[in-house]
Protein backbone atom coordinates (compact mmCIF):
# COMPACT_ATOMS: atom_id res chain seq x y z
CA UNK A 1 -2.43 -4.96 13.87
CA UNK A 2 -0.57 -2.34 15.84
CA UNK A 3 -2.85 0.45 14.65
CA UNK A 4 -5.11 1.31 11.76
CA UNK A 5 -7.32 4.22 10.73
CA UNK A 6 -9.85 4.52 7.91
CA UNK A 7 -10.86 8.08 7.07
CA UNK A 8 -13.64 9.23 4.79
CA UNK A 9 -12.70 11.85 2.22
CA UNK A 10 -16.33 12.58 1.31
CA UNK A 11 -15.95 16.30 2.07
CA UNK A 12 -12.81 16.75 -0.05
CA UNK A 13 -12.50 17.41 -3.82
CA UNK A 14 -11.03 13.91 -4.36
CA UNK A 15 -13.62 11.85 -2.54
CA UNK A 16 -13.03 8.32 -1.30
CA UNK A 17 -11.19 6.79 1.62
CA UNK A 18 -7.71 6.96 3.13
CA UNK A 19 -6.37 3.91 4.97
CA UNK A 20 -3.37 4.11 7.25
CA UNK A 21 -2.06 0.97 8.97
CA UNK A 22 1.00 -0.02 10.92
CA UNK A 23 1.57 -3.74 11.07
CA UNK A 24 4.44 -5.99 11.97
CA UNK A 25 4.45 -8.82 9.44
CA UNK A 26 6.87 -11.70 9.17
CA UNK A 27 8.20 -12.15 5.60
CA UNK A 28 6.56 -15.60 5.53
CA UNK A 29 3.20 -13.79 5.58
CA UNK A 30 3.97 -11.40 2.68
CA UNK A 31 1.83 -13.48 0.30
CA UNK A 32 -1.36 -12.64 2.24
CA UNK A 33 -0.34 -8.98 2.51
CA UNK A 34 0.35 -8.99 -1.23
CA UNK A 35 -3.19 -10.20 -1.91
CA UNK A 36 -4.57 -7.27 0.09
CA UNK A 37 -2.27 -4.76 -1.65
CA UNK A 38 -3.29 -6.04 -5.09
CA UNK A 39 -6.95 -5.77 -4.12
CA UNK A 40 -6.43 -2.19 -2.93
CA UNK A 41 -4.40 -1.24 -6.03
CA UNK A 42 -7.21 -2.41 -8.31
CA UNK A 43 -9.50 0.09 -6.57
CA UNK A 44 -7.08 3.00 -6.22
CA UNK A 45 -7.84 6.39 -7.71
CA UNK A 46 -6.02 7.16 -10.96
CA UNK A 47 -3.92 9.80 -9.17
CA UNK A 48 -2.04 6.92 -7.50
CA UNK A 49 -0.95 5.60 -10.91
CA UNK A 50 2.74 6.28 -11.47
CA UNK A 51 4.35 7.12 -14.80
CA UNK A 52 5.61 3.54 -15.18
CA UNK A 53 2.08 2.13 -14.83
CA UNK A 54 2.51 0.89 -11.27
CA UNK A 55 0.23 1.92 -8.39
CA UNK A 56 1.87 3.25 -5.24
CA UNK A 57 0.27 1.37 -2.33
CA UNK A 58 2.47 2.30 0.61
CA UNK A 59 5.83 1.75 2.20
CA UNK A 60 7.76 -1.12 3.77
CA UNK A 61 10.48 -0.71 6.36
CA UNK A 62 12.33 -3.68 7.73
CA UNK A 63 13.24 -3.46 11.42
CA UNK A 64 16.93 -2.83 10.75
CA UNK A 65 16.33 -0.26 7.97
CA UNK A 66 16.33 3.45 8.71
CA UNK A 67 14.37 4.50 5.62
CA UNK A 68 11.15 2.90 4.31
CA UNK A 69 10.95 1.70 0.70
CA UNK A 70 8.03 2.32 -1.66
CA UNK A 71 5.60 -0.56 -2.29
CA UNK A 72 4.03 -0.72 -5.72
CA UNK A 73 1.64 -3.03 -7.55
CA UNK A 74 1.89 -3.52 -11.30
CA UNK A 75 0.08 -6.13 -13.35
CA UNK A 76 -1.34 -7.75 -10.22
CA UNK A 77 2.13 -8.24 -8.68
CA UNK A 78 3.63 -6.45 -5.67
CA UNK A 79 7.07 -4.97 -6.23
CA UNK A 80 8.62 -6.07 -2.94
CA UNK A 81 11.80 -4.14 -2.08
CA UNK A 82 15.23 -5.77 -1.91
């Protein structure tokens, strides 16, 4: 883990937690990351539910990419970019 922060939102109108992490993961390890993302999506607040039924769980940016792509979970499956 390069860095990670877990912040309580107990004093805000939408209570809960906010997790921010920066990690360098080899694509061979995406299965384990996918398990974590699915676990998190199952516990996400309804405001993270998109119109298509997917849950926005973060972003993925490959080393050579300039712009990160949205990561979503729908039906227990991660929508891995490209």
